[in-house]
Structure formats: structure tokens, C-alpha cells
């Protein structure tokens, strides 16, 4: 799986956690690089909250990304993505929402 320097630095000396992050990313058909992008996007707090509100309106779902932001802040981008997807359903739904915004 392709990993950025930031991701490798985050998991330095934590092979087990890096392996778990790779498995979680692959579960959704993503690379670590794509997962990191999701984490970075969630950390843009102002935009993330605006997107969260808009996603609630468009989807009718009760979406709360606070935990995802918290995990992304800790560098746990794979877990942040898992938190987002557990509320929305699939990566494809996220992509569709982004296209309609």
C-alpha cells in the first residue's frame, strides 16, 4: 500500500498499528494515501463542519464527525475513515455526496 512520509512517521515503530491501518484502508478499497487525504479533510474544522451540516441536509442522516476529527487529529486516519463510513454507509456514498455539493 502506498504510504506518505507523514503516515510512515505517524506509525514509526508501530508495525502492528500500521498493519491494522493498511487492512482497514484495503477493507474500503483505498490506499493509505487516500485514507490520509480523508483525515486531512476532516481536520479542516470549519469546512468539515459546514460539509457535515450539508451532508445531513442532503442525506437525511444524523451525521456527527466529531469522533472522526478527534481520531484524525491523532493521526489515526484509517480509524477516522471507519468512523465516517460507519455513519454514512460506504465510500461511494461519500463520493456521491461530494459530487452533489
N, C-alpha and C. Protein backbone atom coordinates (compact mmCIF):
# COMPACT_ATOMS: atom_id res chain seq x y z
N UNK A 1 0.85 -1.18 0.00
CA UNK A 1 0.00 0.00 0.00
C UNK A 1 0.89 1.23 0.00
N UNK A 2 0.54 2.24 -0.79
CA UNK A 2 1.37 3.43 -0.83
C UNK A 2 1.10 4.29 0.41
N UNK A 3 2.16 4.65 1.08
CA UNK A 3 2.04 5.45 2.30
C UNK A 3 2.89 6.69 2.14
N UNK A 4 2.36 7.81 2.62
CA UNK A 4 3.12 9.05 2.56
C UNK A 4 4.13 9.08 3.70
N UNK A 5 5.02 10.02 3.60
CA UNK A 5 6.02 10.20 4.65
C UNK A 5 5.34 10.51 5.99
N UNK A 6 4.26 11.28 5.94
CA UNK A 6 3.52 11.63 7.15
C UNK A 6 2.93 10.39 7.80
N UNK A 7 2.33 9.52 6.99
CA UNK A 7 1.75 8.30 7.52
C UNK A 7 2.83 7.41 8.13
N UNK A 8 3.94 7.26 7.44
CA UNK A 8 5.03 6.44 7.97
C UNK A 8 5.58 7.02 9.27
N UNK A 9 5.66 8.33 9.33
CA UNK A 9 6.13 8.98 10.56
C UNK A 9 5.14 8.74 11.71
N UNK A 10 3.85 8.83 11.41
CA UNK A 10 2.81 8.62 12.42
C UNK A 10 2.92 7.24 13.04
N UNK A 11 3.19 6.24 12.21
CA UNK A 11 3.22 4.85 12.68
C UNK A 11 4.64 4.33 12.93
N UNK A 12 5.62 5.22 13.00
CA UNK A 12 7.02 4.82 13.21
C UNK A 12 7.13 3.96 14.47
N UNK A 13 7.69 2.78 14.29
CA UNK A 13 7.88 1.87 15.42
C UNK A 13 6.62 1.14 15.85
N UNK A 14 5.52 1.30 15.13
CA UNK A 14 4.25 0.69 15.48
C UNK A 14 3.76 -0.17 14.32
N UNK A 15 4.49 -1.21 14.04
CA UNK A 15 4.21 -2.06 12.88
C UNK A 15 2.80 -2.64 12.96
N UNK A 16 2.39 -3.07 14.13
CA UNK A 16 1.05 -3.66 14.28
C UNK A 16 -0.03 -2.65 13.92
N UNK A 17 0.11 -1.42 14.41
CA UNK A 17 -0.89 -0.39 14.12
C UNK A 17 -0.87 -0.01 12.64
N UNK A 18 0.31 0.03 12.05
CA UNK A 18 0.42 0.33 10.61
C UNK A 18 -0.27 -0.78 9.81
N UNK A 19 -0.04 -2.02 10.21
CA UNK A 19 -0.68 -3.16 9.53
C UNK A 19 -2.20 -3.06 9.64
N UNK A 20 -2.69 -2.69 10.82
CA UNK A 20 -4.14 -2.52 11.02
C UNK A 20 -4.68 -1.40 10.13
N UNK A 21 -3.92 -0.31 10.01
CA UNK A 21 -4.34 0.81 9.17
C UNK A 21 -4.42 0.38 7.70
N UNK A 22 -3.45 -0.41 7.26
CA UNK A 22 -3.44 -0.90 5.88
C UNK A 22 -4.66 -1.79 5.65
N UNK A 23 -4.92 -2.71 6.59
CA UNK A 23 -6.07 -3.61 6.46
C UNK A 23 -7.38 -2.83 6.40
N UNK A 24 -7.52 -1.83 7.27
CA UNK A 24 -8.74 -1.03 7.30
C UNK A 24 -8.91 -0.25 6.00
N UNK A 25 -7.83 0.31 5.50
CA UNK A 25 -7.89 1.04 4.22
C UNK A 25 -8.30 0.11 3.09
N UNK A 26 -7.68 -1.06 3.05
CA UNK A 26 -7.98 -2.04 1.99
C UNK A 26 -9.42 -2.53 2.10
N UNK A 27 -9.95 -2.59 3.31
CA UNK A 27 -11.34 -3.00 3.52
C UNK A 27 -12.28 -2.13 2.69
N UNK A 28 -11.93 -0.87 2.54
CA UNK A 28 -12.75 0.08 1.77
C UNK A 28 -12.20 0.30 0.37
N UNK A 29 -11.20 -0.49 0.00
CA UNK A 29 -10.65 -0.39 -1.35
C UNK A 29 -9.80 0.85 -1.56
N UNK A 30 -9.21 1.35 -0.48
CA UNK A 30 -8.42 2.57 -0.55
C UNK A 30 -6.96 2.30 -0.20
N UNK A 31 -6.12 3.22 -0.59
CA UNK A 31 -4.72 3.17 -0.19
C UNK A 31 -4.56 4.01 1.08
N UNK A 32 -3.43 3.86 1.74
CA UNK A 32 -3.18 4.69 2.92
C UNK A 32 -3.14 6.17 2.54
N UNK A 33 -2.65 6.45 1.35
CA UNK A 33 -2.58 7.83 0.87
C UNK A 33 -3.98 8.44 0.77
N UNK A 34 -4.92 7.68 0.21
CA UNK A 34 -6.30 8.16 0.10
C UNK A 34 -6.94 8.31 1.48
N UNK A 35 -6.62 7.38 2.37
CA UNK A 35 -7.15 7.46 3.73
C UNK A 35 -6.61 8.70 4.45
N UNK A 36 -5.34 9.00 4.23
CA UNK A 36 -4.74 10.19 4.83
C UNK A 36 -5.44 11.46 4.33
N UNK A 37 -5.77 11.50 3.04
CA UNK A 37 -6.47 12.66 2.49
C UNK A 37 -7.81 12.89 3.21
N UNK A 38 -8.50 11.79 3.51
CA UNK A 38 -9.77 11.90 4.24
C UNK A 38 -9.53 12.49 5.61
N UNK A 39 -8.49 12.00 6.28
CA UNK A 39 -8.16 12.53 7.61
C UNK A 39 -7.82 14.00 7.58
N UNK A 40 -7.06 14.41 6.59
CA UNK A 40 -6.69 15.82 6.45
C UNK A 40 -7.93 16.67 6.19
N UNK A 41 -8.83 16.17 5.35
CA UNK A 41 -10.06 16.92 5.03
C UNK A 41 -10.91 17.11 6.28
N UNK A 42 -10.97 16.10 7.12
CA UNK A 42 -11.76 16.18 8.35
C UNK A 42 -11.14 17.20 9.32
N UNK A 43 -9.82 17.38 9.23
CA UNK A 43 -9.15 18.31 10.13
C UNK A 43 -9.32 19.77 9.74
N UNK A 44 -9.79 20.03 8.53
CA UNK A 44 -10.14 21.40 8.17
C UNK A 44 -11.48 21.66 8.86
N UNK A 45 -11.41 22.00 10.14
CA UNK A 45 -12.57 22.02 11.03
C UNK A 45 -13.73 22.85 10.48
N UNK A 46 -13.47 24.07 10.09
CA UNK A 46 -14.54 24.95 9.63
C UNK A 46 -15.25 24.36 8.41
N UNK A 47 -14.47 23.92 7.42
CA UNK A 47 -15.06 23.34 6.22
C UNK A 47 -15.71 21.99 6.54
N UNK A 48 -15.09 21.23 7.43
CA UNK A 48 -15.61 19.92 7.80
C UNK A 48 -16.99 20.04 8.45
N UNK A 49 -17.15 21.02 9.32
CA UNK A 49 -18.44 21.23 9.98
C UNK A 49 -19.49 21.69 8.97
N UNK A 50 -19.09 22.56 8.06
CA UNK A 50 -20.02 23.00 7.01
C UNK A 50 -20.43 21.82 6.12
N UNK A 51 -19.45 20.99 5.75
CA UNK A 51 -19.75 19.80 4.93
C UNK A 51 -20.63 18.82 5.69
N UNK A 52 -20.36 18.67 6.97
CA UNK A 52 -21.16 17.77 7.81
C UNK A 52 -22.62 18.22 7.85
N UNK A 53 -22.82 19.51 8.03
CA UNK A 53 -24.17 20.05 8.07
C UNK A 53 -24.87 19.86 6.72
N UNK A 54 -24.15 20.14 5.66
CA UNK A 54 -24.72 19.99 4.32
C UNK A 54 -25.04 18.52 4.03
N UNK A 55 -24.17 17.62 4.46
CA UNK A 55 -24.42 16.18 4.26
C UNK A 55 -25.65 15.72 5.02
N UNK A 56 -25.84 16.28 6.22
CA UNK A 56 -27.05 15.95 7.00
C UNK A 56 -28.31 16.34 6.23
N UNK A 57 -28.29 17.55 5.68
CA UNK A 57 -29.45 18.06 4.96
C UNK A 57 -29.71 17.24 3.71
N UNK A 58 -28.65 16.96 2.94
CA UNK A 58 -28.81 16.24 1.68
C UNK A 58 -29.18 14.77 1.88
N UNK A 59 -28.62 14.16 2.92
CA UNK A 59 -28.82 12.72 3.09
C UNK A 59 -29.95 12.36 4.04
N UNK A 60 -30.29 13.29 4.93
CA UNK A 60 -31.28 12.98 5.95
C UNK A 60 -30.70 12.15 7.07
N UNK A 61 -29.39 11.90 7.04
CA UNK A 61 -28.73 11.11 8.08
C UNK A 61 -28.30 12.00 9.22
N UNK A 62 -28.25 11.44 10.41
CA UNK A 62 -27.74 12.15 11.58
C UNK A 62 -26.23 11.90 11.65
N UNK A 63 -25.48 12.73 10.97
CA UNK A 63 -24.03 12.56 10.86
C UNK A 63 -23.33 13.43 11.90
N UNK A 64 -22.39 12.82 12.64
CA UNK A 64 -21.60 13.55 13.62
C UNK A 64 -20.14 13.14 13.42
N UNK A 65 -19.34 14.06 12.93
CA UNK A 65 -17.94 13.76 12.61
C UNK A 65 -16.96 14.17 13.70
N UNK A 66 -17.45 14.50 14.88
CA UNK A 66 -16.56 14.90 15.97
C UNK A 66 -15.52 13.83 16.30
N UNK A 67 -15.97 12.58 16.41
CA UNK A 67 -15.04 11.49 16.70
C UNK A 67 -14.05 11.30 15.56
N UNK A 68 -14.50 11.44 14.34
CA UNK A 68 -13.60 11.32 13.19
C UNK A 68 -12.54 12.42 13.21
N UNK A 69 -12.95 13.63 13.55
CA UNK A 69 -11.97 14.73 13.65
C UNK A 69 -10.96 14.45 14.76
N UNK A 70 -11.44 13.95 15.88
CA UNK A 70 -10.57 13.62 17.01
C UNK A 70 -9.53 12.57 16.61
N UNK A 71 -9.99 11.51 15.94
CA UNK A 71 -9.08 10.46 15.52
C UNK A 71 -8.08 10.97 14.48
N UNK A 72 -8.54 11.79 13.54
CA UNK A 72 -7.65 12.34 12.52
C UNK A 72 -6.60 13.24 13.16
N UNK A 73 -6.99 13.97 14.17
CA UNK A 73 -6.05 14.84 14.88
C UNK A 73 -4.93 14.01 15.51
N UNK A 74 -5.24 12.80 15.91
CA UNK A 74 -4.25 11.90 16.49
C UNK A 74 -3.46 11.15 15.42
N UNK A 75 -3.77 11.41 14.14
CA UNK A 75 -3.07 10.74 13.06
C UNK A 75 -3.65 9.37 12.74
N UNK A 76 -4.81 9.07 13.30
CA UNK A 76 -5.45 7.77 13.09
C UNK A 76 -6.46 7.90 11.95
N UNK A 77 -5.92 8.17 10.76
CA UNK A 77 -6.77 8.44 9.60
C UNK A 77 -7.63 7.26 9.19
N UNK A 78 -7.10 6.05 9.29
CA UNK A 78 -7.88 4.87 8.92
C UNK A 78 -9.07 4.71 9.86
N UNK A 79 -8.84 4.94 11.15
CA UNK A 79 -9.93 4.84 12.11
C UNK A 79 -10.94 5.98 11.91
N UNK A 80 -10.44 7.15 11.54
CA UNK A 80 -11.33 8.28 11.26
C UNK A 80 -12.23 7.95 10.08
N UNK A 81 -11.65 7.37 9.03
CA UNK A 81 -12.44 6.98 7.86
C UNK A 81 -13.48 5.94 8.25
N UNK A 82 -13.08 4.98 9.07
CA UNK A 82 -14.02 3.95 9.52
C UNK A 82 -15.19 4.58 10.28
N UNK A 83 -14.92 5.58 11.10
CA UNK A 83 -15.96 6.28 11.85
C UNK A 83 -16.93 6.98 10.90
N UNK A 84 -16.39 7.65 9.89
CA UNK A 84 -17.23 8.33 8.91
C UNK A 84 -18.09 7.33 8.16
N UNK A 85 -17.47 6.26 7.69
CA UNK A 85 -18.19 5.27 6.90
C UNK A 85 -19.24 4.52 7.71
N UNK A 86 -19.00 4.36 9.01
CA UNK A 86 -20.00 3.68 9.83
C UNK A 86 -21.29 4.49 9.93
N UNK A 87 -21.18 5.80 9.72
CA UNK A 87 -22.36 6.66 9.78
C UNK A 87 -23.01 6.85 8.40
N UNK A 88 -22.19 6.83 7.37
CA UNK A 88 -22.71 7.13 6.03
C UNK A 88 -23.02 5.86 5.25
N UNK A 89 -22.24 4.83 5.44
CA UNK A 89 -22.52 3.57 4.78
C UNK A 89 -21.44 3.07 3.85
N UNK A 90 -20.96 3.91 2.95
CA UNK A 90 -19.92 3.45 2.02
C UNK A 90 -19.13 4.64 1.48
N UNK A 91 -17.95 4.31 0.99
CA UNK A 91 -17.10 5.34 0.39
C UNK A 91 -17.77 5.92 -0.85
N UNK A 92 -18.49 5.07 -1.58
CA UNK A 92 -19.20 5.52 -2.78
C UNK A 92 -20.25 6.57 -2.43
N UNK A 93 -20.94 6.39 -1.29
CA UNK A 93 -21.93 7.38 -0.87
C UNK A 93 -21.26 8.72 -0.56
N UNK A 94 -20.07 8.66 0.04
CA UNK A 94 -19.35 9.90 0.33
C UNK A 94 -19.00 10.59 -0.98
N UNK A 95 -18.49 9.82 -1.94
CA UNK A 95 -18.13 10.40 -3.24
C UNK A 95 -19.35 11.02 -3.90
N UNK A 96 -20.48 10.34 -3.85
CA UNK A 96 -21.72 10.85 -4.44
C UNK A 96 -22.14 12.15 -3.76
N UNK A 97 -22.06 12.18 -2.43
CA UNK A 97 -22.41 13.39 -1.70
C UNK A 97 -21.51 14.55 -2.10
N UNK A 98 -20.23 14.27 -2.25
CA UNK A 98 -19.29 15.32 -2.63
C UNK A 98 -19.59 15.86 -4.02
N UNK A 99 -20.04 15.01 -4.90
CA UNK A 99 -20.37 15.44 -6.25
C UNK A 99 -21.64 16.29 -6.30
N UNK A 100 -22.53 16.09 -5.35
CA UNK A 100 -23.79 16.84 -5.36
C UNK A 100 -23.70 18.14 -4.55
N UNK A 101 -22.62 18.31 -3.83
CA UNK A 101 -22.47 19.53 -3.01
C UNK A 101 -22.00 20.67 -3.89
